[in-house]
């Protein structure tokens, strides 16, 4: 995976395969300690301690369709290459939190990628799931909460909605980036 957005999509899909009904996706950039954090939290099935320990092994997967699972091992590798680290916290029956930290002053820090594109696809493909996306740079943040949008009457089945949501996310992320001193 070549960017943060691809990792975000992969982890969110893991949450969906674990039957999550609520998924939180947070991307936070902090200039004071030069870090970028991707955090995905869900209320899915959760995992045992033994399973969590095996997740970083590329020859381990919980899927029946193949014998290797490369998403989490690649995520761990990219974090460590960029001077950061990976933390996985999970409780069976309660859910999972995966937190990937990158050093933004490291040449190996991944680019952001098409976060609005991937996120809008997740929302469109999973209208029954409550997503809460937070993009924060220092003390400025943008939050997209699908439950709030649902209450406002947003129709996910509308063909034009995908492009509108993608544009809305992109505009808000760009607005934050243009106002924050770096």
Protein backbone atom coordinates (compact mmCIF):
# COMPACT_ATOMS: atom_id res chain seq x y z
CA UNK A 1 0.00 0.00 0.00
CA UNK A 2 1.43 3.27 -1.11
CA UNK A 3 -0.45 5.82 0.98
CA UNK A 4 -2.36 6.40 4.19
CA UNK A 5 -5.76 6.35 2.48
CA UNK A 6 -5.17 2.78 1.25
CA UNK A 7 -4.29 1.66 4.78
CA UNK A 8 -7.37 3.47 6.11
CA UNK A 9 -9.56 1.60 3.64
CA UNK A 10 -7.97 -1.76 4.45
CA UNK A 11 -8.41 -1.38 8.21
CA UNK A 12 -11.99 -0.12 7.83
CA UNK A 13 -12.80 -3.14 5.67
CA UNK A 14 -11.39 -5.37 8.43
CA UNK A 15 -13.80 -3.64 10.82
CA UNK A 16 -16.71 -4.33 8.48
CA UNK A 17 -15.72 -8.01 8.15
CA UNK A 18 -15.81 -8.13 11.97
CA UNK A 19 -19.48 -7.03 11.82
CA UNK A 20 -18.86 -3.52 13.16
CA UNK A 21 -21.93 -1.28 13.17
CA UNK A 22 -19.96 1.80 14.28
CA UNK A 23 -16.56 2.72 12.84
CA UNK A 24 -14.49 5.72 13.86
CA UNK A 25 -11.70 6.88 11.56
CA UNK A 26 -9.38 9.57 12.89
CA UNK A 27 -6.46 11.18 11.12
CA UNK A 28 -4.51 13.59 13.28
CA UNK A 29 -1.46 15.64 12.37
CA UNK A 30 0.46 17.33 15.16
CA UNK A 31 3.12 19.87 14.31
CA UNK A 32 4.49 20.05 17.88
CA UNK A 33 5.79 16.48 17.83
CA UNK A 34 5.73 16.02 14.03
CA UNK A 35 3.42 13.02 14.03
CA UNK A 36 0.61 11.76 11.88
CA UNK A 37 -1.75 9.29 13.51
CA UNK A 38 -4.29 7.06 11.78
CA UNK A 39 -6.73 5.49 14.23
CA UNK A 40 -9.62 3.18 13.36
CA UNK A 41 -11.96 2.14 16.16
CA UNK A 42 -14.86 -0.25 15.80
CA UNK A 43 -17.48 -2.12 17.79
CA UNK A 44 -17.01 -5.38 15.88
CA UNK A 45 -16.32 -8.87 17.21
CA UNK A 46 -12.97 -7.98 18.69
CA UNK A 47 -10.09 -10.42 19.00
CA UNK A 48 -8.35 -12.49 21.62
CA UNK A 49 -4.90 -11.48 22.83
CA UNK A 50 -3.42 -14.42 20.90
CA UNK A 51 -5.03 -13.28 17.66
CA UNK A 52 -3.83 -9.69 18.15
CA UNK A 53 -0.27 -10.95 18.64
CA UNK A 54 -0.47 -12.92 15.37
CA UNK A 55 -1.85 -10.02 13.28
CA UNK A 56 1.59 -8.69 12.37
CA UNK A 57 2.57 -12.08 10.90
CA UNK A 58 2.00 -11.97 7.11
CA UNK A 59 1.29 -15.71 7.10
CA UNK A 60 -1.66 -15.30 9.47
CA UNK A 61 -5.15 -14.25 8.43
CA UNK A 62 -8.61 -14.61 9.86
CA UNK A 63 -10.05 -14.87 6.35
CA UNK A 64 -11.03 -18.18 4.78
CA UNK A 65 -10.44 -17.01 1.21
CA UNK A 66 -6.64 -16.90 1.37
CA UNK A 67 -3.75 -18.03 3.54
CA UNK A 68 -1.90 -14.76 4.02
CA UNK A 69 -2.89 -11.39 5.45
CA UNK A 70 -0.61 -8.54 4.44
CA UNK A 71 -2.59 -5.42 5.42
CA UNK A 72 -1.59 -5.15 9.08
CA UNK A 73 2.03 -6.34 8.52
CA UNK A 74 2.45 -3.68 5.79
CA UNK A 75 0.92 -1.05 8.04
CA UNK A 76 3.33 -1.97 10.83
CA UNK A 77 6.26 -1.89 8.41
CA UNK A 78 5.38 1.54 7.00
CA UNK A 79 4.94 2.99 10.51
CA UNK A 80 8.28 1.67 11.70
CA UNK A 81 10.07 2.79 8.52
CA UNK A 82 8.79 6.30 9.21
CA UNK A 83 10.00 6.27 12.82
CA UNK A 84 6.59 5.50 14.32
CA UNK A 85 4.79 2.43 15.52
CA UNK A 86 1.61 0.41 15.53
CA UNK A 87 -0.68 -0.34 18.46
CA UNK A 88 -3.60 -2.76 18.39
CA UNK A 89 -6.07 -2.95 21.26
CA UNK A 90 -8.93 -5.41 21.07
CA UNK A 91 -11.42 -7.07 23.37
CA UNK A 92 -13.48 -10.02 22.23
CA UNK A 93 -17.13 -9.06 21.88
CA UNK A 94 -16.40 -5.33 22.25
CA UNK A 95 -14.29 -4.17 19.31
CA UNK A 96 -10.86 -3.11 18.17
CA UNK A 97 -8.72 0.00 17.92
CA UNK A 98 -5.78 0.14 15.55
CA UNK A 99 -3.48 3.13 15.83
CA UNK A 100 -0.67 3.79 13.37
CA UNK A 101 1.77 6.60 14.11
CA UNK A 102 4.15 8.11 11.55
CA UNK A 103 6.84 10.74 11.98
CA UNK A 104 6.05 13.47 9.45
CA UNK A 105 9.68 14.66 9.43
CA UNK A 106 10.80 11.22 8.25
CA UNK A 107 11.38 10.81 4.51
CA UNK A 108 9.50 7.49 4.64
CA UNK A 109 6.27 8.99 5.98
CA UNK A 110 3.49 7.95 3.63
CA UNK A 111 1.60 10.56 1.63
CA UNK A 112 -2.04 11.10 2.58
CA UNK A 113 -3.49 9.78 -0.68
CA UNK A 114 -7.13 10.07 -1.73
CA UNK A 115 -8.78 10.03 1.68
CA UNK A 116 -11.97 11.72 0.39
CA UNK A 117 -12.29 9.19 -2.44
CA UNK A 118 -11.79 6.09 -0.31
CA UNK A 119 -13.93 7.42 2.52
CA UNK A 120 -16.83 8.32 0.24
CA UNK A 121 -16.69 4.80 -1.25
CA UNK A 122 -16.82 3.29 2.25
CA UNK A 123 -19.86 5.38 3.12
CA UNK A 124 -21.68 4.63 -0.14
CA UNK A 125 -21.00 0.87 0.02
CA UNK A 126 -22.01 0.54 3.69
CA UNK A 127 -25.03 2.77 4.31
CA UNK A 128 -26.12 0.70 7.31
CA UNK A 129 -22.88 1.39 9.20
CA UNK A 130 -22.39 4.52 11.30
CA UNK A 131 -19.08 6.15 10.34
CA UNK A 132 -17.50 9.05 12.18
CA UNK A 133 -14.51 10.57 10.39
CA UNK A 134 -12.34 13.15 12.13
CA UNK A 135 -9.51 15.01 10.44
CA UNK A 136 -7.51 17.12 12.86
CA UNK A 137 -4.45 19.27 12.34
CA UNK A 138 -3.23 20.65 15.65
CA UNK A 139 -6.32 22.37 17.14
CA UNK A 140 -8.41 22.57 13.97
CA UNK A 141 -10.71 19.71 13.04
CA UNK A 142 -13.36 18.55 10.62
CA UNK A 143 -15.86 15.85 11.59
CA UNK A 144 -18.14 13.93 9.27
CA UNK A 145 -20.72 11.84 11.12
CA UNK A 146 -23.00 9.71 8.96
CA UNK A 147 -25.62 9.53 11.71
CA UNK A 148 -25.90 13.33 11.67
CA UNK A 149 -26.13 13.29 7.87
CA UNK A 150 -28.85 10.62 8.03
CA UNK A 151 -30.83 12.82 10.44
CA UNK A 152 -30.58 15.63 7.87
CA UNK A 153 -32.19 13.37 5.26
CA UNK A 154 -29.12 12.51 3.18
CA UNK A 155 -30.03 9.67 0.79
CA UNK A 156 -26.99 7.44 0.24
CA UNK A 157 -28.74 5.69 -2.67
CA UNK A 158 -28.78 8.94 -4.68
CA UNK A 159 -26.34 8.54 -7.59
CA UNK A 160 -24.92 12.05 -7.18
CA UNK A 161 -24.28 11.66 -3.48
CA UNK A 162 -20.92 9.89 -3.85
CA UNK A 163 -19.35 12.82 -5.71
CA UNK A 164 -20.92 15.36 -3.35
CA UNK A 165 -19.64 13.61 -0.22
CA UNK A 166 -16.16 13.21 -1.73
CA UNK A 167 -16.07 16.90 -2.61
CA UNK A 168 -17.35 17.91 0.85
CA UNK A 169 -14.65 15.88 2.62
CA UNK A 170 -11.92 17.14 0.28
CA UNK A 171 -12.93 20.78 0.64
CA UNK A 172 -12.93 20.57 4.43
CA UNK A 173 -9.57 18.80 4.60
CA UNK A 174 -8.07 21.35 2.19
CA UNK A 175 -9.53 24.25 4.21
CA UNK A 176 -7.84 22.95 7.36
CA UNK A 177 -4.54 22.45 5.57
CA UNK A 178 -4.64 25.95 4.10
CA UNK A 179 -5.22 27.64 7.47
CA UNK A 180 -2.73 25.74 9.61
CA UNK A 181 0.82 27.08 9.87
CA UNK A 182 3.35 24.42 9.04
